[in-house]
Amino acid sequence: MFRRGNFIPYLAAGLSGVSPDINLPDRSVRRTNRIGAVVAAGARFYAAPWVGVRIEARERATYLGTRRLGQDQGWADSGRWLRNTEMSGGLLFSFGGR
C-alpha cells in the first residue's frame, strides 16, 4: 500500500508552559506556572501525496520544585516530577506538500 519514500519518521523536542491544577499536599505546587519539557517520536505514512496516517508517542515532564519539608533530593527526586505519556494516531491531510 505504501510506496518507498512514503514513510517519514521524526523526532521532536521542545519546551512547554504548564499550569498544574493537581491535588497535592504541598500547596506551593498547586496552580503555579512552570516550564515543561516535551519529547516525541512518530511516523507518517502517505498513501497519496496529500493523505496518510500518523502515529506518535509523546512524553511530557514538569519539575514541581523543591520540597518544603526538608525531604528534597534535588532535581533527580522522582517524586518531584509531574510526567505524562500519551500515544496518538490519526488520519492526516497535507496542504502544499509533505
Protein backbone atom coordinates (compact mmCIF):
# COMPACT_ATOMS: atom_id res chain seq x y z
CA MET A 1 0.00 0.00 0.00
CA PHE A 2 2.81 2.46 0.88
CA ARG A 3 5.47 3.00 -1.77
CA ARG A 4 9.14 3.56 -1.00
CA GLY A 5 9.71 7.10 0.32
CA ASN A 6 6.21 7.41 1.75
CA PHE A 7 7.33 6.51 5.28
CA ILE A 8 8.60 9.57 7.20
CA PRO A 9 9.85 9.01 10.77
CA TYR A 10 10.50 12.00 13.03
CA LEU A 11 11.77 13.06 16.44
CA ALA A 12 10.78 16.28 18.19
CA ALA A 13 11.73 18.09 21.39
CA GLY A 14 10.65 21.34 22.94
CA LEU A 15 9.54 23.34 25.94
CA SER A 16 6.01 23.98 27.10
CA GLY A 17 4.17 26.11 29.61
CA VAL A 18 2.40 24.13 32.32
CA SER A 19 -0.09 25.28 34.95
CA PRO A 20 -0.75 22.13 37.01
CA ASP A 21 -4.07 22.04 38.81
CA ILE A 22 -3.28 18.99 40.89
CA ASN A 23 -4.27 17.92 44.36
CA LEU A 24 -1.00 17.57 46.28
CA PRO A 25 -0.33 18.08 49.98
CA ASP A 26 2.33 20.70 49.12
CA ARG A 27 0.26 23.82 48.38
CA SER A 28 3.24 25.62 46.82
CA VAL A 29 2.91 23.35 43.75
CA ARG A 30 -0.77 23.98 43.05
CA ARG A 31 -1.76 26.40 40.28
CA THR A 32 1.68 27.79 39.59
CA ASN A 33 3.05 28.28 36.10
CA ARG A 34 6.04 26.11 35.30
CA ILE A 35 8.16 25.17 32.31
CA GLY A 36 7.87 21.62 30.99
CA ALA A 37 9.95 19.54 28.60
CA VAL A 38 8.43 17.56 25.73
CA VAL A 39 9.93 14.80 23.58
CA ALA A 40 8.10 12.98 20.81
CA ALA A 41 8.76 10.27 18.25
CA GLY A 42 6.48 9.23 15.46
CA ALA A 43 6.00 8.38 11.84
CA ARG A 44 3.85 9.44 8.92
CA PHE A 45 2.75 7.01 6.23
CA TYR A 46 1.47 8.57 3.00
CA ALA A 47 -0.97 6.62 0.83
CA ALA A 48 -1.08 9.52 -1.67
CA PRO A 49 0.85 12.83 -1.80
CA TRP A 50 -1.89 14.56 0.19
CA VAL A 51 -3.33 11.90 2.56
CA GLY A 52 -1.88 9.43 5.03
CA VAL A 53 -1.86 8.21 8.60
CA ARG A 54 0.35 9.09 11.53
CA ILE A 55 1.31 7.58 14.88
CA GLU A 56 3.14 9.39 17.66
CA ALA A 57 4.36 8.82 21.23
CA ARG A 58 4.88 11.91 23.38
CA GLU A 59 6.38 12.29 26.86
CA ARG A 60 5.93 15.45 28.94
CA ALA A 61 7.73 16.22 32.20
CA THR A 62 7.46 19.18 34.56
CA TYR A 63 9.68 19.77 37.58
CA LEU A 64 7.46 20.73 40.51
CA GLY A 65 10.17 22.42 42.57
CA THR A 66 11.84 21.67 45.87
CA ARG A 67 10.05 20.09 48.79
CA ARG A 68 9.35 22.27 51.81
CA LEU A 69 9.66 19.58 54.45
CA GLY A 70 13.42 19.06 54.19
CA GLN A 71 12.98 15.83 52.25
CA ASP A 72 14.16 17.23 48.93
CA GLN A 73 16.69 15.17 46.96
CA GLY A 74 17.22 17.72 44.18
CA TRP A 75 16.13 17.57 40.55
CA ALA A 76 16.64 13.77 40.46
CA ASP A 77 13.96 13.29 43.15
CA SER A 78 11.40 11.13 41.32
CA GLY A 79 8.52 12.42 43.44
CA ARG A 80 9.07 15.99 42.21
CA TRP A 81 8.33 15.38 38.53
CA LEU A 82 4.86 15.51 37.01
CA ARG A 83 5.02 13.16 34.00
CA ASN A 84 2.52 12.39 31.28
CA THR A 85 2.89 9.89 28.44
CA GLU A 86 0.47 9.76 25.53
CA MET A 87 0.13 7.87 22.30
CA SER A 88 -1.88 9.23 19.41
CA GLY A 89 -2.59 8.48 15.81
CA GLY A 90 -4.91 9.50 13.07
CA LEU A 91 -5.61 10.46 9.51
CA LEU A 92 -3.60 13.35 8.06
CA PHE A 93 -4.04 15.67 5.10
CA SER A 94 -1.14 17.65 3.63
CA PHE A 95 -1.68 21.04 2.07
CA GLY A 96 1.21 22.30 -0.04
CA GLY A 97 3.41 19.18 0.02
CA ARG A 98 4.95 16.97 2.68
